[in-house]
Amino acid sequence: MALTGAFIDKRQNPNQPFTGEEVYREVTACVEAGATWIHFHVRDAEGGNIGEIEEYRKIVQPIRDRYGDKVLLDGCAAFGKNSKDVCAPVTKGLFETGVVNPVCTFAGSY
């Protein structure tokens, strides 16, 4: 289940989960409905995709506390200043897997 579009904002889809609380609420709804694999992104205040490990942790830790290993989590590990930053959600144990984007996708604001 992919919860968040990479370049979709509230103007395009008012139901788009945006904040950590919204993403967490949608993750739990999906898991309760039977989903076992969830893909999501975290966002900055303007809605842009970010790879802030602590923002991911705010969402992932309560999910782990509630569901343990009954759900596989991943996200777009494509943000950061170097490959160590990019891989951090996986290497820090937040995601079991991460999407690798071998294309240039950063074209400024959307």
PDB file of N, CA and C in Angstrom:
ATOM      1  N   MET A   1       0.854  -1.167   0.000  1.00  0.00           N
ATOM      2  CA  MET A   1       0.000   0.000   0.000  1.00  0.00           C
ATOM      3  C   MET A   1       0.893   1.221   0.000  1.00  0.00           C
ATOM      4  N   ALA A   2       0.796   2.053  -0.998  1.00  0.00           N
ATOM      5  CA  ALA A   2       1.535   3.316  -1.054  1.00  0.00           C
ATOM      6  C   ALA A   2       0.603   4.432  -0.584  1.00  0.00           C
ATOM      7  N   LEU A   3       0.955   5.046   0.531  1.00  0.00           N
ATOM      8  CA  LEU A   3       0.079   6.054   1.138  1.00  0.00           C
ATOM      9  C   LEU A   3       0.225   7.440   0.555  1.00  0.00           C
ATOM     10  N   THR A   4       1.437   7.808   0.224  1.00  0.00           N
ATOM     11  CA  THR A   4       1.703   9.195  -0.153  1.00  0.00           C
ATOM     12  C   THR A   4       2.330   9.262  -1.529  1.00  0.00           C
ATOM     13  N   GLY A   5       1.826  10.128  -2.343  1.00  0.00           N
ATOM     14  CA  GLY A   5       2.433  10.352  -3.640  1.00  0.00           C
ATOM     15  C   GLY A   5       3.664  11.228  -3.489  1.00  0.00           C
ATOM     16  N   ALA A   6       4.648  10.977  -4.312  1.00  0.00           N
ATOM     17  CA  ALA A   6       5.900  11.717  -4.213  1.00  0.00           C
ATOM     18  C   ALA A   6       5.709  13.206  -4.478  1.00  0.00           C
ATOM     19  N   PHE A   7       4.926  13.545  -5.460  1.00  0.00           N
ATOM     20  CA  PHE A   7       4.769  14.954  -5.818  1.00  0.00           C
ATOM     21  C   PHE A   7       3.301  15.363  -5.875  1.00  0.00           C
ATOM     22  N   ILE A   8       2.526  14.832  -4.950  1.00  0.00           N
ATOM     23  CA  ILE A   8       1.113  15.169  -4.866  1.00  0.00           C
ATOM     24  C   ILE A   8       0.900  15.995  -3.609  1.00  0.00           C
ATOM     25  N   ASP A   9       0.182  17.089  -3.756  1.00  0.00           N
ATOM     26  CA  ASP A   9      -0.052  17.929  -2.584  1.00  0.00           C
ATOM     27  C   ASP A   9      -1.546  18.026  -2.281  1.00  0.00           C
ATOM     28  N   LYS A  10      -1.884  18.770  -1.253  1.00  0.00           N
ATOM     29  CA  LYS A  10      -3.276  18.879  -0.803  1.00  0.00           C
ATOM     30  C   LYS A  10      -4.171  19.558  -1.836  1.00  0.00           C
ATOM     31  N   ARG A  11      -3.607  20.401  -2.691  1.00  0.00           N
ATOM     32  CA  ARG A  11      -4.435  21.024  -3.738  1.00  0.00           C
ATOM     33  C   ARG A  11      -4.906  19.973  -4.726  1.00  0.00           C
ATOM     34  N   GLN A  12      -4.040  19.025  -5.040  1.00  0.00           N
ATOM     35  CA  GLN A  12      -4.388  17.979  -5.992  1.00  0.00           C
ATOM     36  C   GLN A  12      -5.249  16.890  -5.364  1.00  0.00           C
ATOM     37  N   ASN A  13      -4.999  16.607  -4.089  1.00  0.00           N
ATOM     38  CA  ASN A  13      -5.754  15.584  -3.381  1.00  0.00           C
ATOM     39  C   ASN A  13      -5.879  16.012  -1.925  1.00  0.00           C
ATOM     40  N   PRO A  14      -7.011  16.582  -1.539  1.00  0.00           N
ATOM     41  CA  PRO A  14      -7.177  17.054  -0.171  1.00  0.00           C
ATOM     42  C   PRO A  14      -7.058  15.948   0.880  1.00  0.00           C
ATOM     43  N   ASN A  15      -7.196  14.695   0.478  1.00  0.00           N
ATOM     44  CA  ASN A  15      -7.089  13.571   1.404  1.00  0.00           C
ATOM     45  C   ASN A  15      -5.676  13.008   1.506  1.00  0.00           C
ATOM     46  N   GLN A  16      -4.740  13.621   0.794  1.00  0.00           N
ATOM     47  CA  GLN A  16      -3.353  13.184   0.818  1.00  0.00           C
ATOM     48  C   GLN A  16      -2.791  13.284   2.238  1.00  0.00           C
ATOM     49  N   PRO A  17      -2.326  12.157   2.838  1.00  0.00           N
ATOM     50  CA  PRO A  17      -1.698  12.259   4.154  1.00  0.00           C
ATOM     51  C   PRO A  17      -0.438  13.108   4.046  1.00  0.00           C
ATOM     52  N   PHE A  18      -0.293  14.049   4.944  1.00  0.00           N
ATOM     53  CA  PHE A  18       0.776  15.035   4.820  1.00  0.00           C
ATOM     54  C   PHE A  18       1.632  15.068   6.081  1.00  0.00           C
ATOM     55  N   THR A  19       0.987  15.311   7.201  1.00  0.00           N
ATOM     56  CA  THR A  19       1.724  15.417   8.462  1.00  0.00           C
ATOM     57  C   THR A  19       2.021  14.014   8.994  1.00  0.00           C
ATOM     58  N   GLY A  20       2.940  13.936   9.942  1.00  0.00           N
ATOM     59  CA  GLY A  20       3.243  12.659  10.575  1.00  0.00           C
ATOM     60  C   GLY A  20       2.020  12.025  11.184  1.00  0.00           C
ATOM     61  N   GLU A  21       1.173  12.838  11.819  1.00  0.00           N
ATOM     62  CA  GLU A  21      -0.061  12.317  12.422  1.00  0.00           C
ATOM     63  C   GLU A  21      -0.999  11.741  11.370  1.00  0.00           C
ATOM     64  N   GLU A  22      -1.121  12.441  10.227  1.00  0.00           N
ATOM     65  CA  GLU A  22      -1.988  11.944   9.156  1.00  0.00           C
ATOM     66  C   GLU A  22      -1.446  10.638   8.579  1.00  0.00           C
ATOM     67  N   VAL A  23      -0.141  10.580   8.371  1.00  0.00           N
ATOM     68  CA  VAL A  23       0.456   9.361   7.827  1.00  0.00           C
ATOM     69  C   VAL A  23       0.261   8.211   8.805  1.00  0.00           C
ATOM     70  N   TYR A  24       0.524   8.450  10.085  1.00  0.00           N
ATOM     71  CA  TYR A  24       0.339   7.399  11.091  1.00  0.00           C
ATOM     72  C   TYR A  24      -1.108   6.901  11.101  1.00  0.00           C
ATOM     73  N   ARG A  25      -2.046   7.816  11.065  1.00  0.00           N
ATOM     74  CA  ARG A  25      -3.472   7.446  11.066  1.00  0.00           C
ATOM     75  C   ARG A  25      -3.800   6.582   9.841  1.00  0.00           C
ATOM     76  N   GLU A  26      -3.278   6.942   8.677  1.00  0.00           N
ATOM     77  CA  GLU A  26      -3.543   6.166   7.458  1.00  0.00           C
ATOM     78  C   GLU A  26      -2.851   4.812   7.497  1.00  0.00           C
ATOM     79  N   VAL A  27      -1.614   4.774   8.029  1.00  0.00           N
ATOM     80  CA  VAL A  27      -0.913   3.493   8.151  1.00  0.00           C
ATOM     81  C   VAL A  27      -1.731   2.545   9.024  1.00  0.00           C
ATOM     82  N   THR A  28      -2.172   3.021  10.181  1.00  0.00           N
ATOM     83  CA  THR A  28      -2.918   2.137  11.075  1.00  0.00           C
ATOM     84  C   THR A  28      -4.235   1.686  10.435  1.00  0.00           C
ATOM     85  N   ALA A  29      -4.901   2.574   9.715  1.00  0.00           N
ATOM     86  CA  ALA A  29      -6.142   2.184   9.033  1.00  0.00           C
ATOM     87  C   ALA A  29      -5.868   1.100   7.994  1.00  0.00           C
ATOM     88  N   CYS A  30      -4.776   1.244   7.252  1.00  0.00           N
ATOM     89  CA  CYS A  30      -4.435   0.253   6.231  1.00  0.00           C
ATOM     90  C   CYS A  30      -4.078  -1.091   6.859  1.00  0.00           C
ATOM     91  N   VAL A  31      -3.296  -1.067   7.933  1.00  0.00           N
ATOM     92  CA  VAL A  31      -2.921  -2.315   8.600  1.00  0.00           C
ATOM     93  C   VAL A  31      -4.149  -2.988   9.192  1.00  0.00           C
ATOM     94  N   GLU A  32      -5.020  -2.208   9.817  1.00  0.00           N
ATOM     95  CA  GLU A  32      -6.245  -2.778  10.377  1.00  0.00           C
ATOM     96  C   GLU A  32      -7.128  -3.388   9.291  1.00  0.00           C
ATOM     97  N   ALA A  33      -7.026  -2.858   8.068  1.00  0.00           N
ATOM     98  CA  ALA A  33      -7.810  -3.393   6.950  1.00  0.00           C
ATOM     99  C   ALA A  33      -7.124  -4.588   6.286  1.00  0.00           C
ATOM    100  N   GLY A  34      -5.898  -4.926   6.754  1.00  0.00           N
ATOM    101  CA  GLY A  34      -5.235  -6.119   6.234  1.00  0.00           C
ATOM    102  C   GLY A  34      -3.933  -5.895   5.491  1.00  0.00           C
ATOM    103  N   ALA A  35      -3.528  -4.657   5.288  1.00  0.00           N
ATOM    104  CA  ALA A  35      -2.267  -4.403   4.589  1.00  0.00           C
ATOM    105  C   ALA A  35      -1.095  -4.914   5.421  1.00  0.00           C
ATOM    106  N   THR A  36      -0.101  -5.469   4.746  1.00  0.00           N
ATOM    107  CA  THR A  36       1.084  -5.979   5.434  1.00  0.00           C
ATOM    108  C   THR A  36       2.356  -5.272   5.002  1.00  0.00           C
ATOM    109  N   TRP A  37       2.269  -4.427   3.983  1.00  0.00           N
ATOM    110  CA  TRP A  37       3.436  -3.706   3.483  1.00  0.00           C
ATOM    111  C   TRP A  37       2.995  -2.274   3.186  1.00  0.00           C
ATOM    112  N   ILE A  38       3.663  -1.305   3.802  1.00  0.00           N
ATOM    113  CA  ILE A  38       3.286   0.097   3.648  1.00  0.00           C
ATOM    114  C   ILE A  38       4.487   0.909   3.162  1.00  0.00           C
ATOM    115  N   HIS A  39       4.261   1.732   2.167  1.00  0.00           N
ATOM    116  CA  HIS A  39       5.258   2.662   1.636  1.00  0.00           C
ATOM    117  C   HIS A  39       4.754   4.081   1.890  1.00  0.00           C
ATOM    118  N   PHE A  40       5.617   4.932   2.454  1.00  0.00           N
ATOM    119  CA  PHE A  40       5.202   6.311   2.691  1.00  0.00           C
ATOM    120  C   PHE A  40       6.388   7.258   2.652  1.00  0.00           C
ATOM    121  N   HIS A  41       6.081   8.546   2.579  1.00  0.00           N
ATOM    122  CA  HIS A  41       7.072   9.619   2.571  1.00  0.00           C
ATOM    123  C   HIS A  41       6.814  10.526   3.768  1.00  0.00           C
ATOM    124  N   VAL A  42       7.829  11.262   4.177  1.00  0.00           N
ATOM    125  CA  VAL A  42       7.636  12.338   5.147  1.00  0.00           C
ATOM    126  C   VAL A  42       7.850  13.657   4.435  1.00  0.00           C
ATOM    127  N   ARG A  43       7.250  14.709   4.979  1.00  0.00           N
ATOM    128  CA  ARG A  43       7.220  16.011   4.309  1.00  0.00           C
ATOM    129  C   ARG A  43       7.682  17.131   5.227  1.00  0.00           C
ATOM    130  N   ASP A  44       8.122  18.213   4.595  1.00  0.00           N
ATOM    131  CA  ASP A  44       8.451  19.417   5.360  1.00  0.00           C
ATOM    132  C   ASP A  44       7.181  20.274   5.484  1.00  0.00           C
ATOM    133  N   ALA A  45       7.316  21.440   6.104  1.00  0.00           N
ATOM    134  CA  ALA A  45       6.149  22.296   6.372  1.00  0.00           C
ATOM    135  C   ALA A  45       5.448  22.749   5.089  1.00  0.00           C
ATOM    136  N   GLU A  46       6.182  22.829   3.994  1.00  0.00           N
ATOM    137  CA  GLU A  46       5.587  23.248   2.715  1.00  0.00           C
ATOM    138  C   GLU A  46       5.069  22.069   1.902  1.00  0.00           C
ATOM    139  N   GLY A  47       5.261  20.852   2.407  1.00  0.00           N
ATOM    140  CA  GLY A  47       4.773  19.681   1.700  1.00  0.00           C
ATOM    141  C   GLY A  47       5.792  18.991   0.830  1.00  0.00           C
ATOM    142  N   GLY A  48       7.029  19.482   0.810  1.00  0.00           N
ATOM    143  CA  GLY A  48       8.069  18.839   0.011  1.00  0.00           C
ATOM    144  C   GLY A  48       8.578  17.572   0.683  1.00  0.00           C
ATOM    145  N   ASN A  49       8.974  16.621  -0.121  1.00  0.00           N
ATOM    146  CA  ASN A  49       9.531  15.376   0.410  1.00  0.00           C
ATOM    147  C   ASN A  49      10.860  15.644   1.085  1.00  0.00           C
ATOM    148  N   ILE A  50      11.064  15.012   2.229  1.00  0.00           N
ATOM    149  CA  ILE A  50      12.330  15.124   2.950  1.00  0.00           C
ATOM    150  C   ILE A  50      12.735  13.734   3.427  1.00  0.00           C
ATOM    151  N   GLY A  51      13.953  13.586   3.792  1.00  0.00           N
ATOM    152  CA  GLY A  51      14.435  12.302   4.291  1.00  0.00           C
ATOM    153  C   GLY A  51      14.872  12.380   5.731  1.00  0.00           C
ATOM    154  N   GLU A  52      14.281  13.268   6.491  1.00  0.00           N
ATOM    155  CA  GLU A  52      14.678  13.464   7.881  1.00  0.00           C
ATOM    156  C   GLU A  52      14.415  12.199   8.697  1.00  0.00           C
ATOM    157  N   ILE A  53      15.491  11.597   9.165  1.00  0.00           N
ATOM    158  CA  ILE A  53      15.387  10.341   9.888  1.00  0.00           C
ATOM    159  C   ILE A  53      14.501  10.469  11.123  1.00  0.00           C
ATOM    160  N   GLU A  54      14.577  11.587  11.814  1.00  0.00           N
ATOM    161  CA  GLU A  54      13.756  11.753  13.018  1.00  0.00           C
ATOM    162  C   GLU A  54      12.279  11.894  12.678  1.00  0.00           C
ATOM    163  N   GLU A  55      11.958  12.465  11.536  1.00  0.00           N
ATOM    164  CA  GLU A  55      10.552  12.552  11.114  1.00  0.00           C
ATOM    165  C   GLU A  55      10.021  11.161  10.762  1.00  0.00           C
ATOM    166  N   TYR A  56      10.853  10.348  10.101  1.00  0.00           N
ATOM    167  CA  TYR A  56      10.459   8.959   9.849  1.00  0.00           C
ATOM    168  C   TYR A  56      10.265   8.223  11.171  1.00  0.00           C
ATOM    169  N   ARG A  57      11.199   8.420  12.109  1.00  0.00           N
ATOM    170  CA  ARG A  57      11.140   7.720  13.396  1.00  0.00           C
ATOM    171  C   ARG A  57       9.845   8.041  14.149  1.00  0.00           C
ATOM    172  N   LYS A  58       9.371   9.295  14.065  1.00  0.00           N
ATOM    173  CA  LYS A  58       8.137   9.689  14.749  1.00  0.00           C
ATOM    174  C   LYS A  58       6.931   8.887  14.261  1.00  0.00           C
ATOM    175  N   ILE A  59       6.983   8.456  13.028  1.00  0.00           N
ATOM    176  CA  ILE A  59       5.898   7.661  12.461  1.00  0.00           C
ATOM    177  C   ILE A  59       6.149   6.169  12.689  1.00  0.00           C
ATOM    178  N   VAL A  60       7.375   5.739  12.438  1.00  0.00           N
ATOM    179  CA  VAL A  60       7.692   4.316  12.477  1.00  0.00           C
ATOM    180  C   VAL A  60       7.634   3.742  13.893  1.00  0.00           C
ATOM    181  N   GLN A  61       8.161   4.446  14.872  1.00  0.00           N
ATOM    182  CA  GLN A  61       8.232   3.875  16.216  1.00  0.00           C
ATOM    183  C   GLN A  61       6.862   3.522  16.791  1.00  0.00           C
ATOM    184  N   PRO A  62       5.868   4.397  16.695  1.00  0.00           N
ATOM    185  CA  PRO A  62       4.537   4.001  17.191  1.00  0.00           C
ATOM    186  C   PRO A  62       3.930   2.826  16.414  1.00  0.00           C
ATOM    187  N   ILE A  63       4.250   2.728  15.116  1.00  0.00           N
ATOM    188  CA  ILE A  63       3.762   1.593  14.326  1.00  0.00           C
ATOM    189  C   ILE A  63       4.409   0.307  14.820  1.00  0.00           C
ATOM    190  N   ARG A  64       5.721   0.372  15.061  1.00  0.00           N
ATOM    191  CA  ARG A  64       6.434  -0.809  15.587  1.00  0.00           C
ATOM    192  C   ARG A  64       5.912  -1.185  16.971  1.00  0.00           C
ATOM    193  N   ASP A  65       5.656  -0.169  17.802  1.00  0.00           N
ATOM    194  CA  ASP A  65       5.128  -0.438  19.136  1.00  0.00           C
ATOM    195  C   ASP A  65       3.764  -1.122  19.062  1.00  0.00           C
ATOM    196  N   ARG A  66       2.973  -0.728  18.105  1.00  0.00           N
ATOM    197  CA  ARG A  66       1.606  -1.255  17.993  1.00  0.00           C
ATOM    198  C   ARG A  66       1.541  -2.598  17.268  1.00  0.00           C
ATOM    199  N   TYR A  67       2.342  -2.748  16.186  1.00  0.00           N
ATOM    200  CA  TYR A  67       2.214  -3.931  15.335  1.00  0.00           C
ATOM    201  C   TYR A  67       3.447  -4.827  15.304  1.00  0.00           C
ATOM    202  N   GLY A  68       4.545  -4.406  15.900  1.00  0.00           N
ATOM    203  CA  GLY A  68       5.758  -5.218  15.872  1.00  0.00           C
ATOM    204  C   GLY A  68       6.211  -5.472  14.444  1.00  0.00           C
ATOM    205  N   ASP A  69       6.508  -6.726  14.148  1.00  0.00           N
ATOM    206  CA  ASP A  69       6.989  -7.063  12.809  1.00  0.00           C
ATOM    207  C   ASP A  69       5.873  -7.573  11.899  1.00  0.00           C
ATOM    208  N   LYS A  70       4.633  -7.279  12.235  1.00  0.00           N
ATOM    209  CA  LYS A  70       3.494  -7.727  11.425  1.00  0.00           C
ATOM    210  C   LYS A  70       3.270  -6.879  10.179  1.00  0.00           C
ATOM    211  N   VAL A  71       4.010  -5.789  10.070  1.00  0.00           N
ATOM    212  CA  VAL A  71       3.912  -4.926   8.889  1.00  0.00           C
ATOM    213  C   VAL A  71       5.317  -4.559   8.422  1.00  0.00           C
ATOM    214  N   LEU A  72       5.524  -4.634   7.121  1.00  0.00           N
ATOM    215  CA  LEU A  72       6.784  -4.240   6.522  1.00  0.00           C
ATOM    216  C   LEU A  72       6.660  -2.785   6.097  1.00  0.00           C
ATOM    217  N   LEU A  73       7.634  -1.980   6.457  1.00  0.00           N
ATOM    218  CA  LEU A  73       7.609  -0.552   6.123  1.00  0.00           C
ATOM    219  C   LEU A  73       8.741  -0.211   5.180  1.00  0.00           C
ATOM    220  N   ASP A  74       8.458   0.652   4.232  1.00  0.00           N
ATOM    221  CA  ASP A  74       9.510   1.226   3.414  1.00  0.00           C
ATOM    222  C   ASP A  74       9.088   2.603   2.953  1.00  0.00           C
ATOM    223  N   GLY A  75      10.021   3.310   2.406  1.00  0.00           N
ATOM    224  CA  GLY A  75       9.755   4.661   1.921  1.00  0.00           C
ATOM    225  C   GLY A  75      10.772   5.019   0.877  1.00  0.00           C
ATOM    226  N   CYS A  76      10.741   6.231   0.507  1.00  0.00           N
ATOM    227  CA  CYS A  76      11.646   6.694  -0.532  1.00  0.00           C
ATOM    228  C   CYS A  76      12.938   7.171   0.124  1.00  0.00           C
ATOM    229  N   ALA A  77      13.898   6.290   0.171  1.00  0.00           N
ATOM    230  CA  ALA A  77      15.196   6.632   0.760  1.00  0.00           C
ATOM    231  C   ALA A  77      16.047   7.300  -0.316  1.00  0.00           C
ATOM    232  N   ALA A  78      15.646   8.472  -0.732  1.00  0.00           N
ATOM    233  CA  ALA A  78      16.326   9.147  -1.838  1.00  0.00           C
ATOM    234  C   ALA A  78      16.710  10.569  -1.491  1.00  0.00           C
ATOM    235  N   PHE A  79      16.746  10.877  -0.208  1.00  0.00           N
ATOM    236  CA  PHE A  79      17.002  12.245   0.185  1.00  0.00           C
ATOM    237  C   PHE A  79      18.205  12.295   1.113  1.00  0.00           C
ATOM    238  N   GLY A  80      19.013  13.312   0.948  1.00  0.00           N
ATOM    239  CA  GLY A  80      20.191  13.472   1.780  1.00  0.00           C
ATOM    240  C   GLY A  80      21.341  14.027   0.973  1.00  0.00           C
ATOM    241  N   LYS A  81      22.386  14.379   1.669  1.00  0.00           N
ATOM    242  CA  LYS A  81      23.542  14.994   1.015  1.00  0.00           C
ATOM    243  C   LYS A  81      24.515  13.965   0.462  1.00  0.00           C
ATOM    244  N   ASN A  82      24.405  12.711   0.922  1.00  0.00           N
ATOM    245  CA  ASN A  82      25.323  11.675   0.460  1.00  0.00           C
ATOM    246  C   ASN A  82      24.629  10.318   0.588  1.00  0.00           C
ATOM    247  N   SER A  83      25.304   9.267   0.137  1.00  0.00           N
ATOM    248  CA  SER A  83      24.673   7.948   0.129  1.00  0.00           C
ATOM    249  C   SER A  83      24.382   7.443   1.545  1.00  0.00           C
ATOM    250  N   LYS A  84      25.188   7.837   2.524  1.00  0.00           N
ATOM    251  CA  LYS A  84      24.934   7.432   3.907  1.00  0.00           C
ATOM    252  C   LYS A  84      23.604   8.014   4.386  1.00  0.00           C
ATOM    253  N   ASP A  85      23.364   9.294   4.096  1.00  0.00           N
ATOM    254  CA  ASP A  85      22.098   9.924   4.464  1.00  0.00           C
ATOM    255  C   ASP A  85      20.925   9.275   3.735  1.00  0.00           C
ATOM    256  N   VAL A  86      21.116   9.001   2.452  1.00  0.00           N
ATOM    257  CA  VAL A  86      20.057   8.435   1.630  1.00  0.00           C
ATOM    258  C   VAL A  86      19.623   7.072   2.166  1.00  0.00           C
ATOM    259  N   CYS A  87      20.574   6.290   2.619  1.00  0.00           N
ATOM    260  CA  CYS A  87      20.282   4.933   3.100  1.00  0.00           C
ATOM    261  C   CYS A  87      19.888   4.880   4.571  1.00  0.00           C
ATOM    262  N   ALA A  88      19.934   5.993   5.275  1.00  0.00           N
ATOM    263  CA  ALA A  88      19.715   6.015   6.723  1.00  0.00           C
ATOM    264  C   ALA A  88      18.412   5.364   7.174  1.00  0.00           C
ATOM    265  N   PRO A  89      17.268   5.577   6.505  1.00  0.00           N
ATOM    266  CA  PRO A  89      16.050   4.914   6.999  1.00  0.00           C
ATOM    267  C   PRO A  89      16.180   3.389   7.049  1.00  0.00           C
ATOM    268  N   VAL A  90      16.975   2.823   6.147  1.00  0.00           N
ATOM    269  CA  VAL A  90      17.177   1.374   6.143  1.00  0.00           C
ATOM    270  C   VAL A  90      18.271   0.996   7.133  1.00  0.00           C
ATOM    271  N   THR A  91      19.408   1.674   7.073  1.00  0.00           N
ATOM    272  CA  THR A  91      20.536   1.298   7.935  1.00  0.00           C
ATOM    273  C   THR A  91      20.267   1.580   9.408  1.00  0.00           C
ATOM    274  N   LYS A  92      19.373   2.509   9.701  1.00  0.00           N
ATOM    275  CA  LYS A  92      19.000   2.800  11.088  1.00  0.00           C
ATOM    276  C   LYS A  92      17.870   1.892  11.581  1.00  0.00           C
ATOM    277  N   GLY A  93      17.415   0.973  10.725  1.00  0.00           N
ATOM    278  CA  GLY A  93      16.422  -0.009  11.143  1.00  0.00           C
ATOM    279  C   GLY A  93      14.978   0.445  11.087  1.00  0.00           C
ATOM    280  N   LEU A  94      14.704   1.571  10.437  1.00  0.00           N
ATOM    281  CA  LEU A  94      13.317   2.029  10.342  1.00  0.00           C
ATOM    282  C   LEU A  94      12.557   1.317   9.230  1.00  0.00           C
ATOM    283  N   PHE A  95      13.226   1.083   8.123  1.00  0.00           N
ATOM    284  CA  PHE A  95      12.620   0.387   6.990  1.00  0.00           C
ATOM    285  C   PHE A  95      13.321  -0.933   6.760  1.00  0.00           C
ATOM    286  N   GLU A  96      12.560  -1.917   6.323  1.00  0.00           N
ATOM    287  CA  GLU A  96      13.158  -3.192   5.932  1.00  0.00           C
ATOM    288  C   GLU A  96      13.796  -3.085   4.557  1.00  0.00           C
ATOM    289  N   THR A  97      13.256  -2.201   3.753  1.00  0.00           N
ATOM    290  CA  THR A  97      13.762  -1.998   2.406  1.00  0.00           C
ATOM    291  C   THR A  97      13.546  -0.541   2.039  1.00  0.00           C
ATOM    292  N   GLY A  98      14.246  -0.079   1.028  1.00  0.00           N
ATOM    293  CA  GLY A  98      14.083   1.289   0.564  1.00  0.00           C
ATOM    294  C   GLY A  98      14.109   1.335  -0.949  1.00  0.00           C
ATOM    295  N   VAL A  99      13.364   2.249  -1.495  1.00  0.00           N
ATOM    296  CA  VAL A  99      13.329   2.426  -2.940  1.00  0.00           C
ATOM    297  C   VAL A  99      14.579   3.176  -3.365  1.00  0.00           C
ATOM    298  N   VAL A 100      15.229   2.700  -4.403  1.00  0.00           N
ATOM    299  CA  VAL A 100      16.380   3.399  -4.961  1.00  0.00           C
ATOM    300  C   VAL A 100      15.933   4.020  -6.268  1.00  0.00           C
ATOM    301  N   ASN A 101      16.105   5.336  -6.377  1.00  0.00           N
ATOM    302  CA  ASN A 101      15.702   6.050  -7.581  1.00  0.00           C
ATOM    303  C   ASN A 101      16.948   6.412  -8.400  1.00  0.00           C
ATOM    304  N   PRO A 102      17.264   5.632  -9.412  1.00  0.00           N
ATOM    305  CA  PRO A 102      18.468   5.922 -10.194  1.00  0.00           C
ATOM    306  C   PRO A 102      18.217   6.943 -11.298  1.00  0.00           C
ATOM    307  N   VAL A 103      17.353   7.889 -11.044  1.00  0.00           N
ATOM    308  CA  VAL A 103      17.058   8.927 -12.016  1.00  0.00           C
ATOM    309  C   VAL A 103      17.113  10.291 -11.329  1.00  0.00           C
ATOM    310  N   CYS A 104      17.237  11.320 -12.099  1.00  0.00           N
ATOM    311  CA  CYS A 104      17.226  12.665 -11.557  1.00  0.00           C
ATOM    312  C   CYS A 104      15.780  13.086 -11.375  1.00  0.00           C
ATOM    313  N   THR A 105      15.328  13.215 -10.123  1.00  0.00           N
ATOM    314  CA  THR A 105      13.930  13.554  -9.873  1.00  0.00           C
ATOM    315  C   THR A 105      13.744  14.875  -9.183  1.00  0.00           C
ATOM    316  N   PHE A 106      14.819  15.549  -8.871  1.00  0.00           N
ATOM    317  CA  PHE A 106      14.714  16.784  -8.115  1.00  0.00           C
ATOM    318  C   PHE A 106      14.791  17.967  -9.080  1.00  0.00           C
ATOM    319  N   ALA A 107      13.635  18.539  -9.348  1.00  0.00           N
ATOM    320  CA  ALA A 107      13.563  19.608 -10.330  1.00  0.00           C
ATOM    321  C   ALA A 107      13.040  20.887  -9.682  1.00  0.00           C
ATOM    322  N   GLY A 108      13.393  21.104  -8.436  1.00  0.00           N
ATOM    323  CA  GLY A 108      12.928  22.295  -7.745  1.00  0.00           C
ATOM    324  C   GLY A 108      11.546  22.108  -7.169  1.00  0.00           C
ATOM    325  N   SER A 109      10.905  23.215  -6.901  1.00  0.00           N
ATOM    326  CA  SER A 109       9.569  23.112  -6.326  1.00  0.00           C
ATOM    327  C   SER A 109       8.586  22.644  -7.367  1.00  0.00           C
ATOM    328  N   TYR A 110       7.535  22.038  -6.904  1.00  0.00           N
ATOM    329  CA  TYR A 110       6.520  21.496  -7.807  1.00  0.00           C
ATOM    330  C   TYR A 110       5.328  22.369  -7.709  1.00  0.00           C
TER     331      TYR A 110
END
